[in-house]
Structure formats: C-alpha cells, structure tokens
Amino acid sequence: MSDEGSAAPADADPFEANRRYLGAVAYRLLGSLTDAEDVLQEAWLRWRAADRSGVADPRAYLSTVVTRLCYDQLGSARARREAYYGEWLPEPLVAEEDSPAHRAELGESVSLAMLAVMEQLSPAERAAFVLHDVFAVRFEEIAASLDRTPDAVRQLASRARRRVREGGRAGRVDPAAHRQVVHAFAAASAGGDLQGLLAVLDPDVVWHSDGGGVVRAGARPVYGADKVARLVLGLIRRALPAGSTASFGFALVNGEPGMVFHEAPGRLAGVLAFAVRDGRITEAYAMVNPEKLGHLG
C-alpha cells in the first residue's frame, strides 16, 4: 500500500500534506492528468480563500472540494470526448518496470483498462465507485459531496460496481502472470510469429488505439484475434524498418506490465497497456496521441 491514506504531519499545510491523495482522487475521477492538475490548482485557490475556522477535518473538506470540481468537469468532459476523433483513452502513467519507487507512488493504482471501463459510467456512478471502492470514503461523506442521500450514493456505487464487473474488471491479475503474457506478446510480435501472437491473444480480444487525429491510428476498435494479430505485425513492420533506431521496451503502465515505443532514443511515441485474463490478452490499449504523452518526457 502507498501512504495515500496515511495521516499528515500535524504541522504540515493541510493542502500540501494531502496533495498526493487529492491528485490520486482527481486522476481516477477524470482519467486525465492535465485535468486533474487543473482541479488541484482550483482547489488550492479555494482553500486559500476559505474561512477555515469551522473546518474540523481539512482532508474531508478538501476531498469534498476536489470531488465537486471533478464532478462538474465530468459532464463537459464527456461531451468533449464524444466529439473526439476516434477512441478517447486515459492519459497513462509510466515508469520503469519493477520500480519500487513507482509502486510506492501509485499504491493500488487504477489500471488503464479500469479507467477505460469507468468512461462508460455516469459522472455520479464514477464518483461513488471511485470514492467508496477505491478510497474507502464513507457513503455519508460522498453524499455530501454529490448533494445526494447516502442510500442514493450506495445504489450508485452498486450499479457502477456491477457495470465494472460486466466490463471484465472484477479483479487484477497476478503481476508475474501479467508480465509473462506481455513478454510472450512482445516476442511473437518482434519475431513476426503469427501463430505465437494468436496463442497469446484471447479469441475475442479488442485492440483500442488513441491518436486523437494528431497521428495515424485506428478510429475504431479492432475485434478478434486474427485481425488484431495481423494489425500488430503490420504495425511492427512499419515501426521498425531496417536501419531504424526505433525500439520497444517494457514498463509499468498504471502499475501493470506494459510496453513503450521510442521512435528514436529518448523520444517516446507510444504506450501499450494490456488487460489479461486466463493467460491471454483480452484488451490492448495503444496510446500514441503525443498530446497525452507529453507529461512522460
């Protein structure tokens, strides 16, 4: 576990002491690091201007402020994402594989696949699910943030939990098993091994990609192992021509084993995340929109 839920030092500024926690909440609610940072900035301004004499629990107060700001943004964000070119995927968090510092920073991270599933929830369902199921916030506190009754919030969380399960995200795969599948995928892809790829892809696998209309990427998901395998082999041939300095590597993507693509040394051009079940890839997420990779350097 990370210290996202640990108590802050008594002499620390409440906002700065809880910044990591508040940022984690905002990112999980919005799926966008850029939007999450905007929310934190607005929350900080409101905290600076607030009359704190009646604030008994700064963390709960700040959580309410951040939740309301995110809730307000989710409605407009949904409209923007519906007009987005192709599929909209969340901004990824990436670190070197097996990095203890990264695991400590993320704690029980929400995977890219989970964030993608949560895009199908209503803003109220998403807020109830994230706050209660991820951060263990009491229904009474969530109700105050959403201006609803605790019973209504409990129903929202239950409905969201059911939809998440239906989306195939009931639980996380053992990291070692997940990593083994990703490495098998990489080996088959690099070797041009169609049968090897088919062996590691679920028959009903879905390939998602997000180029945002900025770079070339499929505008719609690709379904089925054969189509996805042939797509991957075609992408590899184009990405790694003879004499190219481009390369693929392994990394943790939102806390789970994934891959990164550098079109040249030090120039990140793509991030791959995978959902794995029963030893096969069920969903693949290819983020190549440079506007969503800029924060990764």
Protein backbone atom coordinates (compact mmCIF):
# COMPACT_ATOMS: atom_id res chain seq x y z
CA MET A 1 0.00 0.00 0.00
CA SER A 2 1.08 3.57 -0.61
CA ASP A 3 0.79 6.26 2.01
CA GLU A 4 -2.07 7.93 0.10
CA GLY A 5 -4.30 7.21 3.07
CA SER A 6 -1.79 7.95 5.86
CA ALA A 7 -2.21 10.80 8.31
CA ALA A 8 -0.44 14.07 7.56
CA PRO A 9 2.10 15.61 9.95
CA ALA A 10 0.38 17.91 12.42
CA ASP A 11 2.42 20.96 11.38
CA ALA A 12 2.06 20.46 7.62
CA ASP A 13 -0.11 22.69 5.44
CA PRO A 14 -3.28 20.58 5.01
CA PHE A 15 -3.47 21.09 1.27
CA GLU A 16 0.18 20.21 0.58
CA ALA A 17 0.04 17.32 3.05
CA ASN A 18 -2.90 15.84 1.16
CA ARG A 19 -1.85 16.79 -2.38
CA ARG A 20 -0.91 13.23 -3.40
CA TYR A 21 -4.20 11.87 -2.14
CA LEU A 22 -6.22 14.63 -3.78
CA GLY A 23 -4.33 14.18 -7.05
CA ALA A 24 -4.97 10.43 -6.97
CA VAL A 25 -8.69 11.03 -6.48
CA ALA A 26 -8.83 13.60 -9.30
CA TYR A 27 -6.90 11.42 -11.76
CA ARG A 28 -9.12 8.42 -11.12
CA LEU A 29 -12.26 10.53 -11.46
CA LEU A 30 -11.16 12.30 -14.65
CA GLY A 31 -8.72 9.93 -16.38
CA SER A 32 -6.63 12.95 -17.35
CA LEU A 33 -3.51 14.19 -15.59
CA THR A 34 -3.89 17.60 -17.19
CA ASP A 35 -7.47 17.99 -15.97
CA ALA A 36 -6.51 16.62 -12.55
CA GLU A 37 -3.80 19.27 -12.19
CA ASP A 38 -6.28 21.99 -13.17
CA VAL A 39 -8.66 20.74 -10.48
CA LEU A 40 -5.90 20.75 -7.85
CA GLN A 41 -4.99 24.32 -8.76
CA GLU A 42 -8.61 25.46 -8.42
CA ALA A 43 -8.98 23.54 -5.14
CA TRP A 44 -5.86 25.21 -3.78
CA LEU A 45 -7.22 28.66 -4.67
CA ARG A 46 -10.50 27.86 -2.92
CA TRP A 47 -8.62 26.56 0.12
CA ARG A 48 -6.59 29.76 0.28
CA ALA A 49 -9.76 31.87 0.18
CA ALA A 50 -11.84 29.72 2.57
CA ASP A 51 -12.76 30.57 6.13
CA ARG A 52 -11.08 27.62 7.85
CA SER A 53 -12.25 28.42 11.37
CA GLY A 54 -15.10 25.94 11.05
CA VAL A 55 -13.15 23.23 9.21
CA ALA A 56 -12.73 20.37 11.67
CA ASP A 57 -11.35 17.88 9.13
CA PRO A 58 -9.28 19.57 6.38
CA ARG A 59 -8.79 16.33 4.45
CA ALA A 60 -12.53 15.65 4.26
CA TYR A 61 -13.18 19.29 3.36
CA LEU A 62 -10.59 19.24 0.57
CA SER A 63 -11.86 15.88 -0.70
CA THR A 64 -15.34 17.38 -0.99
CA VAL A 65 -13.98 20.39 -2.90
CA VAL A 66 -12.00 18.19 -5.32
CA THR A 67 -14.91 15.79 -5.81
CA ARG A 68 -17.32 18.61 -6.65
CA LEU A 69 -14.86 20.18 -9.08
CA CYS A 70 -14.29 16.82 -10.79
CA TYR A 71 -18.00 16.08 -10.86
CA ASP A 72 -18.63 19.41 -12.58
CA GLN A 73 -15.89 18.66 -15.12
CA LEU A 74 -17.08 15.14 -15.92
CA GLY A 75 -20.21 16.37 -17.69
CA SER A 76 -18.33 18.70 -20.02
CA ALA A 77 -15.51 16.15 -20.42
CA ARG A 78 -18.00 13.56 -21.65
CA ALA A 79 -19.26 15.99 -24.30
CA ARG A 80 -15.68 16.71 -25.43
CA ARG A 81 -14.83 13.02 -25.59
CA GLU A 82 -17.91 12.24 -27.65
CA ALA A 83 -16.65 14.75 -30.23
CA TYR A 84 -13.08 13.41 -30.02
CA TYR A 85 -11.57 11.89 -33.16
CA GLY A 86 -11.57 8.11 -32.74
CA GLU A 87 -11.42 6.49 -29.34
CA TRP A 88 -10.59 8.53 -26.25
CA LEU A 89 -8.20 6.72 -23.90
CA PRO A 90 -6.99 7.93 -20.49
CA GLU A 91 -3.56 9.52 -20.11
CA PRO A 92 -1.13 6.81 -18.96
CA LEU A 93 1.24 6.78 -16.00
CA VAL A 94 4.52 5.10 -16.94
CA ALA A 95 7.64 4.04 -15.02
CA GLU A 96 10.50 1.57 -15.36
CA GLU A 97 9.33 -1.99 -14.80
CA ASP A 98 9.80 -3.32 -11.25
CA SER A 99 10.50 0.17 -9.89
CA PRO A 100 9.82 0.12 -6.12
CA ALA A 101 9.50 3.92 -6.11
CA HIS A 102 6.81 3.77 -8.77
CA ARG A 103 4.84 1.06 -6.96
CA ALA A 104 5.01 3.07 -3.74
CA GLU A 105 3.85 6.21 -5.54
CA LEU A 106 0.90 4.56 -7.26
CA GLY A 107 -0.15 2.23 -4.48
CA GLU A 108 -3.23 0.34 -5.58
CA SER A 109 -3.33 2.02 -8.95
CA VAL A 110 -6.34 2.04 -11.23
CA SER A 111 -5.27 0.30 -14.42
CA LEU A 112 -5.71 1.86 -17.83
CA ALA A 113 -8.28 -0.84 -18.58
CA MET A 114 -10.22 0.07 -15.44
CA LEU A 115 -10.16 3.76 -16.34
CA ALA A 116 -11.42 2.90 -19.82
CA VAL A 117 -14.30 0.89 -18.34
CA MET A 118 -15.14 3.75 -16.00
CA GLU A 119 -15.61 6.01 -19.01
CA GLN A 120 -18.89 4.14 -19.53
CA LEU A 121 -20.21 5.19 -16.11
CA SER A 122 -22.26 8.29 -15.45
CA PRO A 123 -20.41 11.05 -13.55
CA ALA A 124 -22.33 10.22 -10.35
CA GLU A 125 -21.67 6.48 -10.69
CA ARG A 126 -17.98 7.09 -11.29
CA ALA A 127 -17.65 9.39 -8.30
CA ALA A 128 -19.47 6.97 -5.98
CA PHE A 129 -17.44 3.98 -7.20
CA VAL A 130 -14.03 5.66 -7.07
CA LEU A 131 -14.52 7.31 -3.70
CA HIS A 132 -16.08 4.30 -1.97
CA ASP A 133 -14.48 1.27 -3.64
CA VAL A 134 -11.02 2.71 -4.30
CA PHE A 135 -10.54 5.18 -1.44
CA ALA A 136 -12.95 3.74 1.16
CA VAL A 137 -14.75 7.06 1.69
CA ARG A 138 -17.97 6.63 3.69
CA PHE A 139 -21.26 6.94 1.80
CA GLU A 140 -22.27 9.79 4.10
CA GLU A 141 -19.25 11.86 3.04
CA ILE A 142 -19.78 11.09 -0.64
CA ALA A 143 -23.43 12.06 -0.32
CA ALA A 144 -22.41 15.48 0.98
CA SER A 145 -20.07 15.93 -2.00
CA LEU A 146 -22.72 14.95 -4.56
CA ASP A 147 -25.73 16.53 -2.84
CA ARG A 148 -27.50 13.15 -2.64
CA THR A 149 -28.65 10.87 0.11
CA PRO A 150 -26.36 8.09 1.42
CA ASP A 151 -28.84 5.48 0.15
CA ALA A 152 -28.77 7.01 -3.32
CA VAL A 153 -24.97 7.00 -3.33
CA ARG A 154 -24.94 3.38 -2.15
CA GLN A 155 -27.13 2.46 -5.11
CA LEU A 156 -24.87 4.42 -7.49
CA ALA A 157 -21.81 2.56 -6.23
CA SER A 158 -23.56 -0.80 -6.50
CA ARG A 159 -24.68 -0.09 -10.06
CA ALA A 160 -21.17 1.09 -11.01
CA ARG A 161 -19.58 -1.99 -9.42
CA ARG A 162 -21.86 -4.24 -11.46
CA ARG A 163 -21.02 -2.42 -14.69
CA VAL A 164 -17.29 -2.65 -13.92
CA ARG A 165 -17.63 -6.41 -13.41
CA GLU A 166 -19.54 -6.70 -16.68
CA GLY A 167 -16.66 -4.84 -18.32
CA GLY A 168 -14.30 -7.59 -17.22
CA ARG A 169 -12.51 -5.67 -14.48
CA ALA A 170 -13.60 -7.61 -11.41
CA GLY A 171 -10.03 -8.08 -10.19
CA ARG A 172 -6.35 -7.74 -11.05
CA VAL A 173 -4.16 -10.50 -12.46
CA ASP A 174 -1.04 -11.60 -10.62
CA PRO A 175 1.74 -9.24 -11.84
CA ALA A 176 4.11 -12.11 -12.69
CA ALA A 177 1.45 -13.83 -14.83
CA HIS A 178 0.56 -10.50 -16.47
CA ARG A 179 4.23 -9.83 -17.22
CA GLN A 180 4.70 -13.30 -18.73
CA VAL A 181 1.84 -12.70 -21.17
CA VAL A 182 3.18 -9.27 -22.17
CA HIS A 183 6.67 -10.71 -22.79
CA ALA A 184 5.19 -13.51 -24.90
CA PHE A 185 3.26 -10.91 -26.91
CA ALA A 186 6.45 -8.89 -27.44
CA ALA A 187 8.49 -11.91 -28.51
CA ALA A 188 5.87 -13.06 -31.02
CA SER A 189 5.45 -9.53 -32.39
CA ALA A 190 9.17 -8.93 -32.81
CA GLY A 191 9.62 -12.32 -34.46
CA GLY A 192 6.76 -11.87 -36.89
CA ASP A 193 5.22 -15.01 -35.39
CA LEU A 194 1.53 -15.00 -36.31
CA GLN A 195 0.78 -18.30 -34.56
CA GLY A 196 2.63 -17.14 -31.46
CA LEU A 197 0.50 -14.00 -31.37
CA LEU A 198 -2.71 -15.96 -31.82
CA ALA A 199 -1.69 -18.15 -28.87
CA VAL A 200 -1.37 -15.17 -26.54
CA LEU A 201 -4.47 -13.28 -27.72
CA ASP A 202 -7.94 -14.13 -26.47
CA PRO A 203 -10.19 -15.13 -29.41
CA ASP A 204 -12.39 -12.12 -28.62
CA VAL A 205 -9.53 -9.68 -27.95
CA VAL A 206 -10.19 -5.99 -28.65
CA TRP A 207 -7.49 -3.55 -29.81
CA HIS A 208 -8.04 0.10 -28.86
CA SER A 209 -5.92 2.99 -30.12
CA ASP A 210 -5.88 6.73 -29.50
CA GLY A 211 -4.13 9.05 -31.93
CA GLY A 212 -6.52 11.94 -31.32
CA GLY A 213 -6.41 12.82 -35.01
CA VAL A 214 -2.85 14.06 -34.44
CA VAL A 215 -1.04 10.91 -35.56
CA ARG A 216 -2.22 7.93 -37.56
CA ALA A 217 -4.27 5.45 -35.52
CA GLY A 218 -7.42 3.43 -35.97
CA ALA A 219 -10.59 5.42 -35.34
CA ARG A 220 -12.49 2.34 -34.14
CA PRO A 221 -11.64 -0.74 -32.07
CA VAL A 222 -10.42 -3.87 -33.86
CA TYR A 223 -12.08 -7.12 -32.77
CA GLY A 224 -10.87 -10.71 -32.88
CA ALA A 225 -7.51 -12.45 -32.50
CA ASP A 226 -6.76 -12.90 -36.20
CA LYS A 227 -7.45 -9.27 -37.13
CA VAL A 228 -5.56 -7.94 -34.11
CA ALA A 229 -2.56 -10.23 -34.73
CA ARG A 230 -2.27 -9.14 -38.37
CA LEU A 231 -2.68 -5.50 -37.35
CA VAL A 232 0.12 -5.82 -34.80
CA LEU A 233 2.50 -7.44 -37.28
CA GLY A 234 1.77 -4.69 -39.79
CA LEU A 235 2.40 -2.00 -37.18
CA ILE A 236 5.69 -3.64 -36.19
CA ARG A 237 6.90 -3.71 -39.79
CA ARG A 238 6.16 0.00 -40.19
CA ALA A 239 7.53 0.99 -36.78
CA LEU A 240 10.81 -0.92 -37.04
CA PRO A 241 12.10 -0.68 -40.62
CA ALA A 242 15.63 -1.82 -41.42
CA GLY A 243 18.23 0.57 -40.05
CA SER A 244 15.76 2.29 -37.74
CA THR A 245 16.78 3.44 -34.27
CA ALA A 246 13.21 2.93 -33.02
CA SER A 247 12.68 0.41 -30.24
CA PHE A 248 10.12 -1.23 -27.97
CA GLY A 249 10.69 -1.75 -24.26
CA PHE A 250 8.88 -2.89 -21.14
CA ALA A 251 7.47 -0.61 -18.47
CA LEU A 252 4.80 -0.38 -15.82
CA VAL A 253 1.73 1.32 -17.25
CA ASN A 254 -0.60 2.46 -14.47
CA GLY A 255 1.01 -0.11 -12.22
CA GLU A 256 0.67 -3.07 -14.59
CA PRO A 257 3.21 -4.61 -17.01
CA GLY A 258 3.03 -2.92 -20.41
CA MET A 259 5.25 -1.61 -23.20
CA VAL A 260 6.63 1.66 -24.53
CA PHE A 261 7.71 2.60 -28.06
CA HIS A 262 10.52 5.08 -28.76
CA GLU A 263 10.71 6.29 -32.36
CA ALA A 264 14.27 7.41 -31.58
CA PRO A 265 16.41 7.29 -28.43
CA GLY A 266 14.75 9.50 -25.82
CA ARG A 267 11.69 10.18 -27.98
CA LEU A 268 8.63 8.39 -26.63
CA ALA A 269 5.95 7.85 -29.29
CA GLY A 270 3.62 5.24 -27.86
CA VAL A 271 2.45 3.37 -24.77
CA LEU A 272 0.80 -0.06 -24.74
CA ALA A 273 -1.31 -1.38 -21.87
CA PHE A 274 -2.99 -4.77 -21.65
CA ALA A 275 -5.87 -6.42 -19.84
CA VAL A 276 -5.10 -10.10 -19.20
CA ARG A 277 -7.35 -12.96 -18.19
CA ASP A 278 -6.65 -16.72 -18.08
CA GLY A 279 -3.20 -16.27 -19.60
CA ARG A 280 -4.33 -14.30 -22.64
CA ILE A 281 -4.71 -10.66 -23.65
CA THR A 282 -8.37 -9.64 -23.70
CA GLU A 283 -7.91 -5.90 -24.33
CA ALA A 284 -4.98 -3.90 -25.68
CA TYR A 285 -4.70 -0.11 -25.40
CA ALA A 286 -2.32 1.77 -27.71
CA MET A 287 -1.80 5.41 -26.74
CA VAL A 288 0.00 7.32 -29.49
CA ASN A 289 -1.54 10.79 -29.20
CA PRO A 290 1.51 12.98 -28.47
CA GLU A 291 -0.65 15.44 -26.54
CA LYS A 292 -1.30 12.69 -23.97
CA LEU A 293 2.33 11.59 -23.77
CA GLY A 294 3.99 14.98 -23.22
CA HIS A 295 3.98 14.61 -19.42
CA LEU A 296 6.13 11.47 -19.78
CA GLY A 297 9.08 13.37 -21.24
